[in-house]
Amino acid sequence: MTERTRRVAGAALVGALLLALFYPVLRWLVGEWLGNDYYSHGPLVPLISAFFAWRLWSKWPADRRRVTMETAGLALVLVGLAVYVYALVQRAYFIATLALIVILAGVIWYLLGGAALRRLAFPVAFLFFMAPLPFVEPLSVPLAQVTGAISAAVVRPFGVPLEVNGAQVSLPNAQLVVGAQCSGLRSIVTLLTLVGLVVFVVDGAWPAKLLLALSSIPIAALGNVLRVSSLLGVANTWGAETAFKYYHDYSGIVFFASAVVLLILFSRWCGCREIREDIF
């Protein structure tokens, strides 16, 4: 058996063992992706990470791709495994997911070397966006109330008579509740994932990339306020049934697309206009 064959067989064996070990967390992730509206984009994240890992590795010069096993990576694997097992016992699946990512980084470091880990740092770190944050859903209700209050303040100067009491918005011809879906968190979470990808793909100075990353939250929040404001205007003019039956769902798509366009324009203003040649 050649050295290359032994390495491939060893990597396959390690992969199979890790897959069995990670099954509980993977099952939890799939359940969250299917049942959590804020993370319906979750299945795309590992696919995107795998694609960029392949591109980064294949675009790396052959003389830099030399496999040098480093035992320091084994220490990172052991630390990650300890945190993973403890989190699994405590049913802290979010922490277990983060530990899974740490273990993956340690495996790459151990089997391929530190240079390879640095090369593949983005695909590994990008996996963070597949993990549903535990505070997103509890934050949605108070954020929805804030969104409702700001949206009401936006439409009042246009002659829309309304009263706001918590999540309840009263119009002359309708009673509306600004629920968790109107918080804008879904757009913020999705846009953050998208901007993380854009920041990596575009070529530009790091201060400009940081500014671009920070801009995603206010852009998504502004788009959501405008969406809820327009929803109140439609409800005031044509009634609650028209607003929620015809306008509610489609407006979300339109305003998210508008936020993406605004993000692209902002990236150009920041000087991040070109795609990195070392990836594509």
C-alpha atoms as a PDB file:
ATOM      1  CA  MET A   1       0.000   0.000   0.000  1.00  0.00           C
ATOM      2  CA  THR A   2       1.465   3.346  -1.038  1.00  0.00           C
ATOM      3  CA  GLU A   3       1.815   6.324   1.290  1.00  0.00           C
ATOM      4  CA  ARG A   4      -0.883   8.217  -0.617  1.00  0.00           C
ATOM      5  CA  THR A   5      -3.302   5.286  -0.319  1.00  0.00           C
ATOM      6  CA  ARG A   6      -2.674   5.037   3.418  1.00  0.00           C
ATOM      7  CA  ARG A   7      -3.382   8.735   3.825  1.00  0.00           C
ATOM      8  CA  VAL A   8      -6.611   8.509   1.831  1.00  0.00           C
ATOM      9  CA  ALA A   9      -7.730   5.432   3.772  1.00  0.00           C
ATOM     10  CA  GLY A  10      -6.864   7.100   7.069  1.00  0.00           C
ATOM     11  CA  ALA A  11      -8.762  10.256   6.106  1.00  0.00           C
ATOM     12  CA  ALA A  12     -11.784   8.171   5.055  1.00  0.00           C
ATOM     13  CA  LEU A  13     -11.730   6.265   8.351  1.00  0.00           C
ATOM     14  CA  VAL A  14     -11.470   9.497  10.360  1.00  0.00           C
ATOM     15  CA  GLY A  15     -14.310  10.971   8.300  1.00  0.00           C
ATOM     16  CA  ALA A  16     -16.562   7.992   8.982  1.00  0.00           C
ATOM     17  CA  LEU A  17     -15.845   8.086  12.716  1.00  0.00           C
ATOM     18  CA  LEU A  18     -16.494  11.829  12.872  1.00  0.00           C
ATOM     19  CA  LEU A  19     -19.742  11.435  10.945  1.00  0.00           C
ATOM     20  CA  ALA A  20     -20.960   8.867  13.475  1.00  0.00           C
ATOM     21  CA  LEU A  21     -19.881  11.076  16.358  1.00  0.00           C
ATOM     22  CA  PHE A  22     -21.507  14.172  14.909  1.00  0.00           C
ATOM     23  CA  TYR A  23     -24.798  12.492  13.982  1.00  0.00           C
ATOM     24  CA  PRO A  24     -26.818  13.979  16.908  1.00  0.00           C
ATOM     25  CA  VAL A  25     -25.768  17.532  16.042  1.00  0.00           C
ATOM     26  CA  LEU A  26     -26.249  17.001  12.317  1.00  0.00           C
ATOM     27  CA  ARG A  27     -29.745  15.687  12.993  1.00  0.00           C
ATOM     28  CA  TRP A  28     -30.461  18.784  15.120  1.00  0.00           C
ATOM     29  CA  LEU A  29     -29.149  21.078  12.402  1.00  0.00           C
ATOM     30  CA  VAL A  30     -31.340  19.480   9.738  1.00  0.00           C
ATOM     31  CA  GLY A  31     -34.369  19.800  12.017  1.00  0.00           C
ATOM     32  CA  GLU A  32     -33.602  23.487  12.595  1.00  0.00           C
ATOM     33  CA  TRP A  33     -33.093  24.146   8.892  1.00  0.00           C
ATOM     34  CA  LEU A  34     -36.453  22.578   8.082  1.00  0.00           C
ATOM     35  CA  GLY A  35     -38.408  24.117  10.971  1.00  0.00           C
ATOM     36  CA  ASN A  36     -36.683  27.424  11.745  1.00  0.00           C
ATOM     37  CA  ASP A  37     -37.685  30.185   9.319  1.00  0.00           C
ATOM     38  CA  TYR A  38     -34.644  32.239  10.265  1.00  0.00           C
ATOM     39  CA  TYR A  39     -32.261  29.515   9.067  1.00  0.00           C
ATOM     40  CA  SER A  40     -33.953  28.073   5.987  1.00  0.00           C
ATOM     41  CA  HIS A  41     -30.751  29.010   4.127  1.00  0.00           C
ATOM     42  CA  GLY A  42     -28.755  26.697   6.428  1.00  0.00           C
ATOM     43  CA  PRO A  43     -28.355  23.737   4.013  1.00  0.00           C
ATOM     44  CA  LEU A  44     -26.611  26.012   1.503  1.00  0.00           C
ATOM     45  CA  VAL A  45     -23.840  26.965   3.930  1.00  0.00           C
ATOM     46  CA  PRO A  46     -21.956  23.599   3.999  1.00  0.00           C
ATOM     47  CA  LEU A  47     -22.308  23.345   0.219  1.00  0.00           C
ATOM     48  CA  ILE A  48     -20.833  26.823  -0.240  1.00  0.00           C
ATOM     49  CA  SER A  49     -18.025  26.011   2.200  1.00  0.00           C
ATOM     50  CA  ALA A  50     -17.229  22.768   0.356  1.00  0.00           C
ATOM     51  CA  PHE A  51     -17.173  24.602  -2.991  1.00  0.00           C
ATOM     52  CA  PHE A  52     -14.755  27.267  -1.804  1.00  0.00           C
ATOM     53  CA  ALA A  53     -12.582  24.703  -0.028  1.00  0.00           C
ATOM     54  CA  TRP A  54     -12.249  22.879  -3.339  1.00  0.00           C
ATOM     55  CA  ARG A  55     -11.553  26.100  -5.279  1.00  0.00           C
ATOM     56  CA  LEU A  56      -8.983  27.357  -2.783  1.00  0.00           C
ATOM     57  CA  TRP A  57      -7.189  24.015  -2.725  1.00  0.00           C
ATOM     58  CA  SER A  58      -7.228  23.528  -6.499  1.00  0.00           C
ATOM     59  CA  LYS A  59      -6.017  27.103  -7.110  1.00  0.00           C
ATOM     60  CA  TRP A  60      -3.136  26.677  -4.666  1.00  0.00           C
ATOM     61  CA  PRO A  61       0.213  26.063  -6.405  1.00  0.00           C
ATOM     62  CA  ALA A  62       1.209  22.399  -6.302  1.00  0.00           C
ATOM     63  CA  ASP A  63       4.432  23.136  -4.418  1.00  0.00           C
ATOM     64  CA  ARG A  64       2.413  24.759  -1.623  1.00  0.00           C
ATOM     65  CA  ARG A  65       0.035  21.819  -1.296  1.00  0.00           C
ATOM     66  CA  ARG A  66       2.529  19.512   0.324  1.00  0.00           C
ATOM     67  CA  VAL A  67       0.882  17.521   3.095  1.00  0.00           C
ATOM     68  CA  THR A  68       2.747  17.979   6.374  1.00  0.00           C
ATOM     69  CA  MET A  69       1.058  16.441   9.391  1.00  0.00           C
ATOM     70  CA  GLU A  70       1.344  18.621  12.501  1.00  0.00           C
ATOM     71  CA  THR A  71       0.640  17.160  15.924  1.00  0.00           C
ATOM     72  CA  ALA A  72      -0.433  20.590  17.237  1.00  0.00           C
ATOM     73  CA  GLY A  73      -3.665  20.098  15.333  1.00  0.00           C
ATOM     74  CA  LEU A  74      -4.348  17.007  17.413  1.00  0.00           C
ATOM     75  CA  ALA A  75      -4.460  19.147  20.567  1.00  0.00           C
ATOM     76  CA  LEU A  76      -7.131  21.344  18.952  1.00  0.00           C
ATOM     77  CA  VAL A  77      -9.111  18.228  18.029  1.00  0.00           C
ATOM     78  CA  LEU A  78      -8.988  16.967  21.620  1.00  0.00           C
ATOM     79  CA  VAL A  79     -10.108  20.328  23.038  1.00  0.00           C
ATOM     80  CA  GLY A  80     -12.930  20.481  20.522  1.00  0.00           C
ATOM     81  CA  LEU A  81     -13.989  16.920  21.325  1.00  0.00           C
ATOM     82  CA  ALA A  82     -14.078  17.651  25.066  1.00  0.00           C
ATOM     83  CA  VAL A  83     -16.300  20.703  24.531  1.00  0.00           C
ATOM     84  CA  TYR A  84     -18.434  18.788  22.039  1.00  0.00           C
ATOM     85  CA  VAL A  85     -19.118  15.843  24.357  1.00  0.00           C
ATOM     86  CA  TYR A  86     -19.911  18.140  27.294  1.00  0.00           C
ATOM     87  CA  ALA A  87     -22.263  20.257  25.165  1.00  0.00           C
ATOM     88  CA  LEU A  88     -23.921  17.133  23.801  1.00  0.00           C
ATOM     89  CA  VAL A  89     -24.573  15.831  27.329  1.00  0.00           C
ATOM     90  CA  GLN A  90     -26.060  19.215  28.269  1.00  0.00           C
ATOM     91  CA  ARG A  91     -28.080  19.276  25.010  1.00  0.00           C
ATOM     92  CA  ALA A  92     -26.426  22.587  24.157  1.00  0.00           C
ATOM     93  CA  TYR A  93     -26.502  21.884  20.443  1.00  0.00           C
ATOM     94  CA  PHE A  94     -25.397  25.353  19.367  1.00  0.00           C
ATOM     95  CA  ILE A  95     -22.186  25.032  21.415  1.00  0.00           C
ATOM     96  CA  ALA A  96     -21.762  21.493  20.090  1.00  0.00           C
ATOM     97  CA  THR A  97     -22.010  22.843  16.543  1.00  0.00           C
ATOM     98  CA  LEU A  98     -19.262  25.389  17.239  1.00  0.00           C
ATOM     99  CA  ALA A  99     -17.149  22.615  18.745  1.00  0.00           C
ATOM    100  CA  LEU A 100     -17.739  20.586  15.579  1.00  0.00           C
ATOM    101  CA  ILE A 101     -16.261  23.421  13.521  1.00  0.00           C
ATOM    102  CA  VAL A 102     -13.259  23.593  15.870  1.00  0.00           C
ATOM    103  CA  ILE A 103     -12.732  19.847  15.506  1.00  0.00           C
ATOM    104  CA  LEU A 104     -12.854  20.157  11.714  1.00  0.00           C
ATOM    105  CA  ALA A 105     -10.199  22.891  11.861  1.00  0.00           C
ATOM    106  CA  GLY A 106      -8.050  20.670  14.081  1.00  0.00           C
ATOM    107  CA  VAL A 107      -8.394  17.716  11.711  1.00  0.00           C
ATOM    108  CA  ILE A 108      -7.272  19.868   8.769  1.00  0.00           C
ATOM    109  CA  TRP A 109      -4.353  21.188  10.814  1.00  0.00           C
ATOM    110  CA  TYR A 110      -3.331  17.691  11.892  1.00  0.00           C
ATOM    111  CA  LEU A 111      -3.677  15.945   8.534  1.00  0.00           C
ATOM    112  CA  LEU A 112      -2.686  18.736   6.119  1.00  0.00           C
ATOM    113  CA  GLY A 113      -0.652  21.222   8.156  1.00  0.00           C
ATOM    114  CA  GLY A 114      -0.948  24.788   9.374  1.00  0.00           C
ATOM    115  CA  ALA A 115      -0.475  26.315   5.926  1.00  0.00           C
ATOM    116  CA  ALA A 116      -3.451  24.337   4.626  1.00  0.00           C
ATOM    117  CA  LEU A 117      -5.579  25.439   7.592  1.00  0.00           C
ATOM    118  CA  ARG A 118      -4.749  29.082   6.889  1.00  0.00           C
ATOM    119  CA  ARG A 119      -5.610  28.532   3.236  1.00  0.00           C
ATOM    120  CA  LEU A 120      -8.963  26.956   4.125  1.00  0.00           C
ATOM    121  CA  ALA A 121      -9.763  29.323   6.995  1.00  0.00           C
ATOM    122  CA  PHE A 122     -12.743  30.954   5.265  1.00  0.00           C
ATOM    123  CA  PRO A 123     -14.604  27.750   4.288  1.00  0.00           C
ATOM    124  CA  VAL A 124     -14.199  26.491   7.855  1.00  0.00           C
ATOM    125  CA  ALA A 125     -15.232  29.799   9.480  1.00  0.00           C
ATOM    126  CA  PHE A 126     -18.167  30.233   7.076  1.00  0.00           C
ATOM    127  CA  LEU A 127     -19.754  27.131   8.623  1.00  0.00           C
ATOM    128  CA  PHE A 128     -20.621  29.330  11.615  1.00  0.00           C
ATOM    129  CA  PHE A 129     -23.526  30.712   9.573  1.00  0.00           C
ATOM    130  CA  MET A 130     -25.191  27.282   9.474  1.00  0.00           C
ATOM    131  CA  ALA A 131     -25.625  27.246  13.277  1.00  0.00           C
ATOM    132  CA  PRO A 132     -28.945  28.751  14.473  1.00  0.00           C
ATOM    133  CA  LEU A 133     -28.123  31.384  17.078  1.00  0.00           C
ATOM    134  CA  PRO A 134     -30.049  30.663  20.307  1.00  0.00           C
ATOM    135  CA  PHE A 135     -31.041  34.297  20.898  1.00  0.00           C
ATOM    136  CA  VAL A 136     -32.576  35.009  17.470  1.00  0.00           C
ATOM    137  CA  GLU A 137     -36.111  33.780  18.138  1.00  0.00           C
ATOM    138  CA  PRO A 138     -36.444  35.373  21.644  1.00  0.00           C
ATOM    139  CA  LEU A 139     -35.197  38.651  20.162  1.00  0.00           C
ATOM    140  CA  SER A 140     -37.781  38.673  17.367  1.00  0.00           C
ATOM    141  CA  VAL A 141     -40.794  39.791  19.450  1.00  0.00           C
ATOM    142  CA  PRO A 142     -39.279  42.930  21.074  1.00  0.00           C
ATOM    143  CA  LEU A 143     -37.592  43.821  17.789  1.00  0.00           C
ATOM    144  CA  ALA A 144     -40.939  43.496  15.999  1.00  0.00           C
ATOM    145  CA  GLN A 145     -42.469  45.961  18.448  1.00  0.00           C
ATOM    146  CA  VAL A 146     -39.654  48.436  17.836  1.00  0.00           C
ATOM    147  CA  THR A 147     -40.101  47.984  14.081  1.00  0.00           C
ATOM    148  CA  GLY A 148     -43.833  48.612  14.416  1.00  0.00           C
ATOM    149  CA  ALA A 149     -43.277  51.829  16.392  1.00  0.00           C
ATOM    150  CA  ILE A 150     -40.691  53.169  13.911  1.00  0.00           C
ATOM    151  CA  SER A 151     -42.848  52.227  10.915  1.00  0.00           C
ATOM    152  CA  ALA A 152     -45.838  54.002  12.468  1.00  0.00           C
ATOM    153  CA  ALA A 153     -43.710  57.126  12.909  1.00  0.00           C
ATOM    154  CA  VAL A 154     -42.711  56.895   9.231  1.00  0.00           C
ATOM    155  CA  VAL A 155     -46.269  56.722   7.846  1.00  0.00           C
ATOM    156  CA  ARG A 156     -47.932  59.265  10.183  1.00  0.00           C
ATOM    157  CA  PRO A 157     -46.589  62.310   8.248  1.00  0.00           C
ATOM    158  CA  PHE A 158     -48.315  60.886   5.139  1.00  0.00           C
ATOM    159  CA  GLY A 159     -51.709  61.202   6.790  1.00  0.00           C
ATOM    160  CA  VAL A 160     -52.148  57.609   7.975  1.00  0.00           C
ATOM    161  CA  PRO A 161     -54.083  57.734  11.276  1.00  0.00           C
ATOM    162  CA  LEU A 162     -52.975  54.952  13.596  1.00  0.00           C
ATOM    163  CA  GLU A 163     -52.278  54.102  17.204  1.00  0.00           C
ATOM    164  CA  VAL A 164     -49.583  51.759  18.479  1.00  0.00           C
ATOM    165  CA  ASN A 165     -49.921  49.743  21.684  1.00  0.00           C
ATOM    166  CA  GLY A 166     -47.054  47.278  21.962  1.00  0.00           C
ATOM    167  CA  ALA A 167     -47.377  44.952  18.985  1.00  0.00           C
ATOM    168  CA  GLN A 168     -50.942  46.106  18.265  1.00  0.00           C
ATOM    169  CA  VAL A 169     -51.424  48.702  15.513  1.00  0.00           C
ATOM    170  CA  SER A 170     -54.904  50.206  15.187  1.00  0.00           C
ATOM    171  CA  LEU A 171     -56.074  51.740  11.910  1.00  0.00           C
ATOM    172  CA  PRO A 172     -59.556  53.139  11.239  1.00  0.00           C
ATOM    173  CA  ASN A 173     -60.435  50.091   9.127  1.00  0.00           C
ATOM    174  CA  ALA A 174     -58.105  47.409  10.527  1.00  0.00           C
ATOM    175  CA  GLN A 175     -56.481  45.988  13.619  1.00  0.00           C
ATOM    176  CA  LEU A 176     -52.971  44.694  12.933  1.00  0.00           C
ATOM    177  CA  VAL A 177     -50.434  42.815  15.013  1.00  0.00           C
ATOM    178  CA  VAL A 178     -46.759  43.320  14.197  1.00  0.00           C
ATOM    179  CA  GLY A 179     -45.597  39.764  14.849  1.00  0.00           C
ATOM    180  CA  ALA A 180     -42.212  38.099  14.976  1.00  0.00           C
ATOM    181  CA  GLN A 181     -42.148  37.722  11.186  1.00  0.00           C
ATOM    182  CA  CYS A 182     -42.091  41.514  10.898  1.00  0.00           C
ATOM    183  CA  SER A 183     -39.014  41.879  13.126  1.00  0.00           C
ATOM    184  CA  GLY A 184     -36.655  41.810  10.154  1.00  0.00           C
ATOM    185  CA  LEU A 185     -34.413  39.242  11.837  1.00  0.00           C
ATOM    186  CA  ARG A 186     -34.863  36.785   9.007  1.00  0.00           C
ATOM    187  CA  SER A 187     -33.567  39.342   6.520  1.00  0.00           C
ATOM    188  CA  ILE A 188     -30.743  40.343   8.855  1.00  0.00           C
ATOM    189  CA  VAL A 189     -29.575  36.744   9.414  1.00  0.00           C
ATOM    190  CA  THR A 190     -29.748  35.907   5.703  1.00  0.00           C
ATOM    191  CA  LEU A 191     -28.073  39.151   4.670  1.00  0.00           C
ATOM    192  CA  LEU A 192     -25.283  38.626   7.210  1.00  0.00           C
ATOM    193  CA  THR A 193     -24.599  35.231   5.670  1.00  0.00           C
ATOM    194  CA  LEU A 194     -24.590  36.753   2.204  1.00  0.00           C
ATOM    195  CA  VAL A 195     -22.321  39.628   3.189  1.00  0.00           C
ATOM    196  CA  GLY A 196     -19.897  37.185   4.809  1.00  0.00           C
ATOM    197  CA  LEU A 197     -19.607  35.479   1.448  1.00  0.00           C
ATOM    198  CA  VAL A 198     -19.322  38.773  -0.456  1.00  0.00           C
ATOM    199  CA  VAL A 199     -16.595  40.099   1.848  1.00  0.00           C
ATOM    200  CA  PHE A 200     -14.509  37.012   1.101  1.00  0.00           C
ATOM    201  CA  VAL A 201     -15.119  36.928  -2.646  1.00  0.00           C
ATOM    202  CA  VAL A 202     -14.509  40.597  -3.489  1.00  0.00           C
ATOM    203  CA  ASP A 203     -11.071  42.127  -3.752  1.00  0.00           C
ATOM    204  CA  GLY A 204     -10.446  45.190  -1.610  1.00  0.00           C
ATOM    205  CA  ALA A 205      -8.809  46.645   1.480  1.00  0.00           C
ATOM    206  CA  TRP A 206      -9.783  45.134   4.837  1.00  0.00           C
ATOM    207  CA  PRO A 207     -11.129  48.438   6.264  1.00  0.00           C
ATOM    208  CA  ALA A 208     -13.482  48.649   3.286  1.00  0.00           C
ATOM    209  CA  LYS A 209     -14.535  45.025   3.756  1.00  0.00           C
ATOM    210  CA  LEU A 210     -15.175  45.617   7.461  1.00  0.00           C
ATOM    211  CA  LEU A 211     -17.323  48.651   6.649  1.00  0.00           C
ATOM    212  CA  LEU A 212     -19.222  46.562   4.112  1.00  0.00           C
ATOM    213  CA  ALA A 213     -19.826  43.814   6.677  1.00  0.00           C
ATOM    214  CA  LEU A 214     -21.071  46.284   9.303  1.00  0.00           C
ATOM    215  CA  SER A 215     -23.429  47.882   6.791  1.00  0.00           C
ATOM    216  CA  SER A 216     -25.523  44.722   6.383  1.00  0.00           C
ATOM    217  CA  ILE A 217     -27.470  45.129   9.640  1.00  0.00           C
ATOM    218  CA  PRO A 218     -28.631  48.748   9.110  1.00  0.00           C
ATOM    219  CA  ILE A 219     -29.409  48.012   5.448  1.00  0.00           C
ATOM    220  CA  ALA A 220     -31.567  45.005   6.379  1.00  0.00           C
ATOM    221  CA  ALA A 221     -33.235  46.928   9.237  1.00  0.00           C
ATOM    222  CA  LEU A 222     -33.988  49.906   6.974  1.00  0.00           C
ATOM    223  CA  GLY A 223     -35.443  47.632   4.302  1.00  0.00           C
ATOM    224  CA  ASN A 224     -37.687  45.948   6.864  1.00  0.00           C
ATOM    225  CA  VAL A 225     -38.937  49.272   8.291  1.00  0.00           C
ATOM    226  CA  LEU A 226     -39.822  50.441   4.787  1.00  0.00           C
ATOM    227  CA  ARG A 227     -41.600  47.146   4.149  1.00  0.00           C
ATOM    228  CA  VAL A 228     -43.713  47.357   7.327  1.00  0.00           C
ATOM    229  CA  SER A 229     -44.407  51.039   6.638  1.00  0.00           C
ATOM    230  CA  SER A 230     -45.676  50.225   3.167  1.00  0.00           C
ATOM    231  CA  LEU A 231     -47.749  47.371   4.650  1.00  0.00           C
ATOM    232  CA  LEU A 232     -49.449  49.845   6.996  1.00  0.00           C
ATOM    233  CA  GLY A 233     -50.113  52.155   4.066  1.00  0.00           C
ATOM    234  CA  VAL A 234     -51.677  49.340   2.030  1.00  0.00           C
ATOM    235  CA  ALA A 235     -53.819  48.263   5.009  1.00  0.00           C
ATOM    236  CA  ASN A 236     -55.012  51.836   5.525  1.00  0.00           C
ATOM    237  CA  THR A 237     -55.932  52.276   1.854  1.00  0.00           C
ATOM    238  CA  TRP A 238     -57.250  48.846   0.835  1.00  0.00           C
ATOM    239  CA  GLY A 239     -57.841  47.034   4.121  1.00  0.00           C
ATOM    240  CA  ALA A 240     -56.109  44.388   6.217  1.00  0.00           C
ATOM    241  CA  GLU A 241     -57.152  41.477   3.983  1.00  0.00           C
ATOM    242  CA  THR A 242     -55.430  42.969   0.958  1.00  0.00           C
ATOM    243  CA  ALA A 243     -52.353  43.869   3.006  1.00  0.00           C
ATOM    244  CA  PHE A 244     -51.856  40.403   4.479  1.00  0.00           C
ATOM    245  CA  LYS A 245     -53.345  38.170   1.797  1.00  0.00           C
ATOM    246  CA  TYR A 246     -51.676  39.722  -1.241  1.00  0.00           C
ATOM    247  CA  TYR A 247     -48.993  42.171  -0.164  1.00  0.00           C
ATOM    248  CA  HIS A 248     -47.325  40.702   2.936  1.00  0.00           C
ATOM    249  CA  ASP A 249     -45.380  37.763   1.501  1.00  0.00           C
ATOM    250  CA  TYR A 250     -44.443  39.241  -1.869  1.00  0.00           C
ATOM    251  CA  SER A 251     -43.281  42.517  -0.348  1.00  0.00           C
ATOM    252  CA  GLY A 252     -40.753  40.604   1.778  1.00  0.00           C
ATOM    253  CA  ILE A 253     -39.096  39.227  -1.348  1.00  0.00           C
ATOM    254  CA  VAL A 254     -39.064  42.630  -3.046  1.00  0.00           C
ATOM    255  CA  PHE A 255     -37.562  44.484  -0.093  1.00  0.00           C
ATOM    256  CA  PHE A 256     -34.941  41.795   0.536  1.00  0.00           C
ATOM    257  CA  ALA A 257     -33.915  41.996  -3.123  1.00  0.00           C
ATOM    258  CA  SER A 258     -33.734  45.779  -2.740  1.00  0.00           C
ATOM    259  CA  ALA A 259     -31.480  45.354   0.310  1.00  0.00           C
ATOM    260  CA  VAL A 260     -29.178  43.077  -1.723  1.00  0.00           C
ATOM    261  CA  VAL A 261     -28.988  45.657  -4.528  1.00  0.00           C
ATOM    262  CA  LEU A 262     -28.226  48.388  -1.987  1.00  0.00           C
ATOM    263  CA  LEU A 263     -25.514  46.181  -0.484  1.00  0.00           C
ATOM    264  CA  ILE A 264     -23.938  45.694  -3.925  1.00  0.00           C
ATOM    265  CA  LEU A 265     -23.998  49.435  -4.599  1.00  0.00           C
ATOM    266  CA  PHE A 266     -22.461  50.090  -1.172  1.00  0.00           C
ATOM    267  CA  SER A 267     -19.707  47.555  -1.881  1.00  0.00           C
ATOM    268  CA  ARG A 268     -18.839  49.433  -5.061  1.00  0.00           C
ATOM    269  CA  TRP A 269     -18.770  52.704  -3.114  1.00  0.00           C
ATOM    270  CA  CYS A 270     -16.370  51.079  -0.621  1.00  0.00           C
ATOM    271  CA  GLY A 271     -14.041  50.151  -3.469  1.00  0.00           C
ATOM    272  CA  CYS A 272     -14.818  46.412  -3.382  1.00  0.00           C
ATOM    273  CA  ARG A 273     -15.634  46.089  -7.065  1.00  0.00           C
ATOM    274  CA  GLU A 274     -13.574  43.214  -8.411  1.00  0.00           C
ATOM    275  CA  ILE A 275     -13.775  39.464  -7.791  1.00  0.00           C
ATOM    276  CA  ARG A 276     -10.657  37.812  -6.401  1.00  0.00           C
ATOM    277  CA  GLU A 277      -8.674  36.113  -9.155  1.00  0.00           C
ATOM    278  CA  ASP A 278      -7.208  33.492  -6.829  1.00  0.00           C
ATOM    279  CA  ILE A 279     -10.649  31.895  -6.363  1.00  0.00           C
ATOM    280  CA  PHE A 280     -12.284  31.983  -9.802  1.00  0.00           C
END
